Amino acid sequence: MDLIDSKDRTVLILSHYWTPINITTAREGVRKLMSCGASCDKEATVRALSYSGEPLLWEEWVDSSRAAYYKNQPFLTSCNKLYPVPTILLTTAKWAYQSKNKPNLRYLYKRYKGRCQICGDKFDMKDMTIEHIYPKSKGGTKESHNVTLTCQTCNCKKAAIYPYKNYKGEDLKPSNPYPFFHAFQNCRPEWKPFLFKK
């Protein structure tokens, strides 16, 4: 299979919270979407996001009467068939969340320059904790898209509350866990609403 346009070789992967968690190749995106067809576990789905914003399973995605494609929709070609490349995947599958390097306290302390992301004060590293934005008790993970740095006092106050406000009065969220997304910001216009801002 070959891609028609070389600039469309990437697929954005969103979590079930509609936040970016990864980027993959077009070929791998098609493979993941195909493998999660009718035989896929209902709790672990992969869907292509159509132009109209509708999440579609593989069978729906390849049905041109059902799917709303983008004007500049990329396609993979085989000897006798065209396959639309999903430029955005929406997933709950575990492979999308698992990473080898989960952030540790030292990494978060350096990244946030010792500042608690709830009260805004600076502390020594011994007084800081890893805060799960979506609480572990509700199924939150220790992946970079769900953790931030807080002091021990604020961590205790937050407990299992979600959502929670930071020191700026905004919802508590990680700083851009995927800074490399900015390199792809001009790749596909439909990605822009989902990418973190600098």
C-alpha atoms as a PDB file:
ATOM      1  CA  MET A   1       0.000   0.000   0.000  1.00  0.00           C
ATOM      2  CA  ASP A   2       1.160   3.523  -0.752  1.00  0.00           C
ATOM      3  CA  LEU A   3       0.062   6.901   0.464  1.00  0.00           C
ATOM      4  CA  ILE A   4      -1.175   9.373  -2.126  1.00  0.00           C
ATOM      5  CA  ASP A   5       0.212  12.427  -0.335  1.00  0.00           C
ATOM      6  CA  SER A   6       3.380  12.261   1.778  1.00  0.00           C
ATOM      7  CA  LYS A   7       2.341  15.160   4.073  1.00  0.00           C
ATOM      8  CA  ASP A   8      -0.585  13.099   5.404  1.00  0.00           C
ATOM      9  CA  ARG A   9       1.430  10.273   6.929  1.00  0.00           C
ATOM     10  CA  THR A  10       0.385  10.938  10.532  1.00  0.00           C
ATOM     11  CA  VAL A  11      -2.735  10.245  12.599  1.00  0.00           C
ATOM     12  CA  LEU A  12      -3.618  12.033  15.827  1.00  0.00           C
ATOM     13  CA  ILE A  13      -4.853   9.752  18.633  1.00  0.00           C
ATOM     14  CA  LEU A  14      -7.279  11.193  21.187  1.00  0.00           C
ATOM     15  CA  SER A  15      -8.259   9.681  24.522  1.00  0.00           C
ATOM     16  CA  HIS A  16     -11.895   9.127  25.454  1.00  0.00           C
ATOM     17  CA  TYR A  17     -11.621  12.598  27.070  1.00  0.00           C
ATOM     18  CA  TRP A  18     -10.925  13.961  23.553  1.00  0.00           C
ATOM     19  CA  THR A  19      -7.389  15.023  24.512  1.00  0.00           C
ATOM     20  CA  PRO A  20      -4.307  14.163  22.412  1.00  0.00           C
ATOM     21  CA  ILE A  21      -2.289  11.240  23.708  1.00  0.00           C
ATOM     22  CA  ASN A  22      -0.186  10.152  20.752  1.00  0.00           C
ATOM     23  CA  ILE A  23       0.618  10.375  17.058  1.00  0.00           C
ATOM     24  CA  THR A  24       1.029   7.354  14.812  1.00  0.00           C
ATOM     25  CA  THR A  25       1.582   6.613  11.142  1.00  0.00           C
ATOM     26  CA  ALA A  26      -1.293   6.500   8.666  1.00  0.00           C
ATOM     27  CA  ARG A  27      -0.707   2.801   8.011  1.00  0.00           C
ATOM     28  CA  GLU A  28      -0.702   2.008  11.743  1.00  0.00           C
ATOM     29  CA  GLY A  29      -3.820   4.162  12.231  1.00  0.00           C
ATOM     30  CA  VAL A  30      -5.679   2.149   9.588  1.00  0.00           C
ATOM     31  CA  ARG A  31      -4.440  -1.107  11.155  1.00  0.00           C
ATOM     32  CA  LYS A  32      -5.598  -0.085  14.645  1.00  0.00           C
ATOM     33  CA  LEU A  33      -9.009   0.975  13.359  1.00  0.00           C
ATOM     34  CA  MET A  34      -9.431  -2.245  11.336  1.00  0.00           C
ATOM     35  CA  SER A  35      -8.348  -4.484  14.223  1.00  0.00           C
ATOM     36  CA  CYS A  36     -10.971  -2.943  16.483  1.00  0.00           C
ATOM     37  CA  GLY A  37     -13.923  -3.856  14.275  1.00  0.00           C
ATOM     38  CA  ALA A  38     -16.826  -6.102  15.215  1.00  0.00           C
ATOM     39  CA  SER A  39     -14.582  -8.450  17.235  1.00  0.00           C
ATOM     40  CA  CYS A  40     -13.291  -5.638  19.464  1.00  0.00           C
ATOM     41  CA  ASP A  41     -14.097  -5.482  23.166  1.00  0.00           C
ATOM     42  CA  LYS A  42     -16.820  -2.843  23.745  1.00  0.00           C
ATOM     43  CA  GLU A  43     -14.767  -1.309  26.562  1.00  0.00           C
ATOM     44  CA  ALA A  44     -11.728  -0.882  24.289  1.00  0.00           C
ATOM     45  CA  THR A  45     -12.853   0.851  21.124  1.00  0.00           C
ATOM     46  CA  VAL A  46     -11.008   2.678  18.382  1.00  0.00           C
ATOM     47  CA  ARG A  47     -13.037   4.980  16.159  1.00  0.00           C
ATOM     48  CA  ALA A  48     -12.197   7.329  13.319  1.00  0.00           C
ATOM     49  CA  LEU A  49     -13.400  10.894  13.709  1.00  0.00           C
ATOM     50  CA  SER A  50     -15.231  11.986  10.558  1.00  0.00           C
ATOM     51  CA  TYR A  51     -15.437  15.509   9.133  1.00  0.00           C
ATOM     52  CA  SER A  52     -18.816  15.939  10.849  1.00  0.00           C
ATOM     53  CA  GLY A  53     -17.247  15.006  14.213  1.00  0.00           C
ATOM     54  CA  GLU A  54     -18.933  11.610  14.399  1.00  0.00           C
ATOM     55  CA  PRO A  55     -16.832   8.726  15.811  1.00  0.00           C
ATOM     56  CA  LEU A  56     -17.069   5.759  13.398  1.00  0.00           C
ATOM     57  CA  LEU A  57     -16.018   2.105  13.591  1.00  0.00           C
ATOM     58  CA  TRP A  58     -14.035   0.649  10.660  1.00  0.00           C
ATOM     59  CA  GLU A  59     -17.081  -0.701   8.826  1.00  0.00           C
ATOM     60  CA  GLU A  60     -18.770   2.710   9.052  1.00  0.00           C
ATOM     61  CA  TRP A  61     -15.568   4.585   8.166  1.00  0.00           C
ATOM     62  CA  VAL A  62     -14.975   2.771   4.872  1.00  0.00           C
ATOM     63  CA  ASP A  63     -18.623   3.135   3.830  1.00  0.00           C
ATOM     64  CA  SER A  64     -18.509   6.331   1.742  1.00  0.00           C
ATOM     65  CA  SER A  65     -22.294   6.704   2.001  1.00  0.00           C
ATOM     66  CA  ARG A  66     -22.003   6.753   5.823  1.00  0.00           C
ATOM     67  CA  ALA A  67     -18.737   8.609   6.509  1.00  0.00           C
ATOM     68  CA  ALA A  68     -18.213  12.341   5.987  1.00  0.00           C
ATOM     69  CA  TYR A  69     -14.677  12.700   4.604  1.00  0.00           C
ATOM     70  CA  TYR A  70     -12.526  15.827   4.628  1.00  0.00           C
ATOM     71  CA  LYS A  71     -12.024  17.807   1.404  1.00  0.00           C
ATOM     72  CA  ASN A  72      -8.357  16.828   1.461  1.00  0.00           C
ATOM     73  CA  GLN A  73      -8.967  13.291   2.756  1.00  0.00           C
ATOM     74  CA  PRO A  74      -5.815  11.125   2.464  1.00  0.00           C
ATOM     75  CA  PHE A  75      -6.147   7.554   1.176  1.00  0.00           C
ATOM     76  CA  LEU A  76      -4.005   4.436   1.203  1.00  0.00           C
ATOM     77  CA  THR A  77      -4.085   2.488  -2.018  1.00  0.00           C
ATOM     78  CA  SER A  78      -3.721  -1.201  -2.727  1.00  0.00           C
ATOM     79  CA  CYS A  79      -3.844  -2.925  -6.126  1.00  0.00           C
ATOM     80  CA  ASN A  80      -7.582  -2.418  -6.523  1.00  0.00           C
ATOM     81  CA  LYS A  81      -8.929  -0.496  -3.506  1.00  0.00           C
ATOM     82  CA  LEU A  82      -8.710   2.885  -1.772  1.00  0.00           C
ATOM     83  CA  TYR A  83      -8.782   3.036   2.031  1.00  0.00           C
ATOM     84  CA  PRO A  84      -9.549   6.395   3.687  1.00  0.00           C
ATOM     85  CA  VAL A  85      -6.907   7.231   6.293  1.00  0.00           C
ATOM     86  CA  PRO A  86      -8.396   8.301   9.617  1.00  0.00           C
ATOM     87  CA  THR A  87      -6.575  11.547  10.436  1.00  0.00           C
ATOM     88  CA  ILE A  88      -7.958  11.485  14.003  1.00  0.00           C
ATOM     89  CA  LEU A  89      -8.624   8.364  16.078  1.00  0.00           C
ATOM     90  CA  LEU A  90     -10.668   8.373  19.275  1.00  0.00           C
ATOM     91  CA  THR A  91      -9.797   5.484  21.592  1.00  0.00           C
ATOM     92  CA  THR A  92     -10.286   3.820  24.948  1.00  0.00           C
ATOM     93  CA  ALA A  93      -7.825   1.020  24.119  1.00  0.00           C
ATOM     94  CA  LYS A  94      -5.084   0.354  26.695  1.00  0.00           C
ATOM     95  CA  TRP A  95      -2.287   0.392  24.075  1.00  0.00           C
ATOM     96  CA  ALA A  96      -2.921   4.118  23.617  1.00  0.00           C
ATOM     97  CA  TYR A  97      -2.363   4.915  27.294  1.00  0.00           C
ATOM     98  CA  GLN A  98       0.559   2.681  28.089  1.00  0.00           C
ATOM     99  CA  SER A  99       3.998   4.190  27.916  1.00  0.00           C
ATOM    100  CA  LYS A 100       7.380   2.986  29.110  1.00  0.00           C
ATOM    101  CA  ASN A 101       8.267   6.231  30.865  1.00  0.00           C
ATOM    102  CA  LYS A 102       5.669   7.435  33.326  1.00  0.00           C
ATOM    103  CA  PRO A 103       6.534  10.814  34.888  1.00  0.00           C
ATOM    104  CA  ASN A 104       8.190  10.636  38.296  1.00  0.00           C
ATOM    105  CA  LEU A 105       8.322  13.256  41.066  1.00  0.00           C
ATOM    106  CA  ARG A 106      11.805  14.513  40.093  1.00  0.00           C
ATOM    107  CA  TYR A 107      10.711  15.026  36.477  1.00  0.00           C
ATOM    108  CA  LEU A 108       7.498  16.867  37.469  1.00  0.00           C
ATOM    109  CA  TYR A 109       9.364  19.004  40.027  1.00  0.00           C
ATOM    110  CA  LYS A 110      11.817  20.137  37.357  1.00  0.00           C
ATOM    111  CA  ARG A 111       9.095  20.653  34.746  1.00  0.00           C
ATOM    112  CA  TYR A 112       6.935  22.841  37.039  1.00  0.00           C
ATOM    113  CA  LYS A 113       9.993  24.527  38.664  1.00  0.00           C
ATOM    114  CA  GLY A 114       8.893  23.427  42.132  1.00  0.00           C
ATOM    115  CA  ARG A 115       5.516  25.198  41.915  1.00  0.00           C
ATOM    116  CA  CYS A 116       2.374  23.552  43.287  1.00  0.00           C
ATOM    117  CA  GLN A 117      -0.186  23.555  40.504  1.00  0.00           C
ATOM    118  CA  ILE A 118      -3.079  24.078  42.923  1.00  0.00           C
ATOM    119  CA  CYS A 119      -1.934  26.850  45.310  1.00  0.00           C
ATOM    120  CA  GLY A 120       0.871  28.266  43.123  1.00  0.00           C
ATOM    121  CA  ASP A 121       3.495  28.346  45.910  1.00  0.00           C
ATOM    122  CA  LYS A 122       7.025  26.968  45.531  1.00  0.00           C
ATOM    123  CA  PHE A 123       8.217  24.132  47.775  1.00  0.00           C
ATOM    124  CA  ASP A 124      11.192  21.825  48.272  1.00  0.00           C
ATOM    125  CA  MET A 125      10.869  18.555  46.415  1.00  0.00           C
ATOM    126  CA  LYS A 126      10.423  16.645  49.707  1.00  0.00           C
ATOM    127  CA  ASP A 127       7.145  18.552  50.261  1.00  0.00           C
ATOM    128  CA  MET A 128       5.709  17.780  46.815  1.00  0.00           C
ATOM    129  CA  THR A 129       3.546  14.949  45.477  1.00  0.00           C
ATOM    130  CA  ILE A 130       2.326  13.602  42.175  1.00  0.00           C
ATOM    131  CA  GLU A 131      -1.316  14.629  41.771  1.00  0.00           C
ATOM    132  CA  HIS A 132      -3.674  12.538  39.656  1.00  0.00           C
ATOM    133  CA  ILE A 133      -5.930  15.038  37.889  1.00  0.00           C
ATOM    134  CA  TYR A 134      -8.602  12.413  37.253  1.00  0.00           C
ATOM    135  CA  PRO A 135      -8.413  10.539  40.598  1.00  0.00           C
ATOM    136  CA  LYS A 136      -6.956   7.034  40.805  1.00  0.00           C
ATOM    137  CA  SER A 137     -10.018   6.003  42.838  1.00  0.00           C
ATOM    138  CA  LYS A 138     -12.148   6.770  39.770  1.00  0.00           C
ATOM    139  CA  GLY A 139      -9.849   4.992  37.311  1.00  0.00           C
ATOM    140  CA  GLY A 140      -7.255   7.702  36.608  1.00  0.00           C
ATOM    141  CA  THR A 141      -3.807   6.559  35.476  1.00  0.00           C
ATOM    142  CA  LYS A 142      -0.264   7.731  36.209  1.00  0.00           C
ATOM    143  CA  GLU A 143       0.336   8.598  32.549  1.00  0.00           C
ATOM    144  CA  SER A 144       1.619  12.071  31.679  1.00  0.00           C
ATOM    145  CA  HIS A 145      -1.783  13.234  30.405  1.00  0.00           C
ATOM    146  CA  ASN A 146      -3.283  12.716  33.911  1.00  0.00           C
ATOM    147  CA  VAL A 147      -0.648  13.938  36.396  1.00  0.00           C
ATOM    148  CA  THR A 148       0.656  17.214  37.712  1.00  0.00           C
ATOM    149  CA  LEU A 149       2.681  18.454  40.698  1.00  0.00           C
ATOM    150  CA  THR A 150       1.135  19.611  43.986  1.00  0.00           C
ATOM    151  CA  CYS A 151       2.242  20.198  47.548  1.00  0.00           C
ATOM    152  CA  GLN A 152       1.185  17.618  50.143  1.00  0.00           C
ATOM    153  CA  THR A 153      -1.421  19.949  51.676  1.00  0.00           C
ATOM    154  CA  CYS A 154      -3.164  20.641  48.372  1.00  0.00           C
ATOM    155  CA  ASN A 155      -3.021  16.963  47.426  1.00  0.00           C
ATOM    156  CA  CYS A 156      -4.914  16.116  50.627  1.00  0.00           C
ATOM    157  CA  LYS A 157      -7.471  18.912  50.048  1.00  0.00           C
ATOM    158  CA  LYS A 158      -8.151  17.829  46.471  1.00  0.00           C
ATOM    159  CA  ALA A 159      -8.584  14.169  47.453  1.00  0.00           C
ATOM    160  CA  ALA A 160     -10.879  12.534  44.831  1.00  0.00           C
ATOM    161  CA  ILE A 161     -12.542  15.759  43.630  1.00  0.00           C
ATOM    162  CA  TYR A 162     -12.762  16.177  39.861  1.00  0.00           C
ATOM    163  CA  PRO A 163     -12.642  18.637  38.194  1.00  0.00           C
ATOM    164  CA  TYR A 164     -10.550  20.868  40.457  1.00  0.00           C
ATOM    165  CA  LYS A 165      -9.308  24.459  40.018  1.00  0.00           C
ATOM    166  CA  ASN A 166      -5.645  25.535  39.942  1.00  0.00           C
ATOM    167  CA  TYR A 167      -4.131  28.730  41.389  1.00  0.00           C
ATOM    168  CA  LYS A 168      -5.201  30.648  38.251  1.00  0.00           C
ATOM    169  CA  GLY A 169      -8.865  29.666  38.702  1.00  0.00           C
ATOM    170  CA  GLU A 170      -8.743  27.284  35.705  1.00  0.00           C
ATOM    171  CA  ASP A 171      -9.451  23.559  35.654  1.00  0.00           C
ATOM    172  CA  LEU A 172      -6.424  21.618  36.874  1.00  0.00           C
ATOM    173  CA  LYS A 173      -4.687  20.000  33.901  1.00  0.00           C
ATOM    174  CA  PRO A 174      -1.223  18.885  32.882  1.00  0.00           C
ATOM    175  CA  SER A 175       1.020  21.281  31.072  1.00  0.00           C
ATOM    176  CA  ASN A 176       1.547  20.173  27.494  1.00  0.00           C
ATOM    177  CA  PRO A 177       2.608  16.525  27.954  1.00  0.00           C
ATOM    178  CA  TYR A 178       3.331  16.215  24.242  1.00  0.00           C
ATOM    179  CA  PRO A 179       5.355  19.269  23.200  1.00  0.00           C
ATOM    180  CA  PHE A 180       6.162  17.582  19.876  1.00  0.00           C
ATOM    181  CA  PHE A 181       2.518  18.087  18.811  1.00  0.00           C
ATOM    182  CA  HIS A 182       3.381  21.696  17.980  1.00  0.00           C
ATOM    183  CA  ALA A 183       5.658  20.468  15.212  1.00  0.00           C
ATOM    184  CA  PHE A 184       2.558  18.931  13.616  1.00  0.00           C
ATOM    185  CA  GLN A 185       0.165  21.833  14.244  1.00  0.00           C
ATOM    186  CA  ASN A 186       0.124  22.835  10.583  1.00  0.00           C
ATOM    187  CA  CYS A 187      -0.078  19.257   9.320  1.00  0.00           C
ATOM    188  CA  ARG A 188      -3.875  18.814   9.419  1.00  0.00           C
ATOM    189  CA  PRO A 189      -6.328  21.679  10.095  1.00  0.00           C
ATOM    190  CA  GLU A 190      -8.756  19.333  11.893  1.00  0.00           C
ATOM    191  CA  TRP A 191      -6.113  18.672  14.586  1.00  0.00           C
ATOM    192  CA  LYS A 192      -5.959  22.284  15.815  1.00  0.00           C
ATOM    193  CA  PRO A 193      -8.976  22.210  18.187  1.00  0.00           C
ATOM    194  CA  PHE A 194      -7.456  19.238  20.034  1.00  0.00           C
ATOM    195  CA  LEU A 195      -3.831  20.308  20.412  1.00  0.00           C
ATOM    196  CA  PHE A 196      -2.590  21.910  23.609  1.00  0.00           C
ATOM    197  CA  LYS A 197      -1.560  25.534  23.419  1.00  0.00           C
ATOM    198  CA  LYS A 198       1.924  26.682  24.420  1.00  0.00           C
END
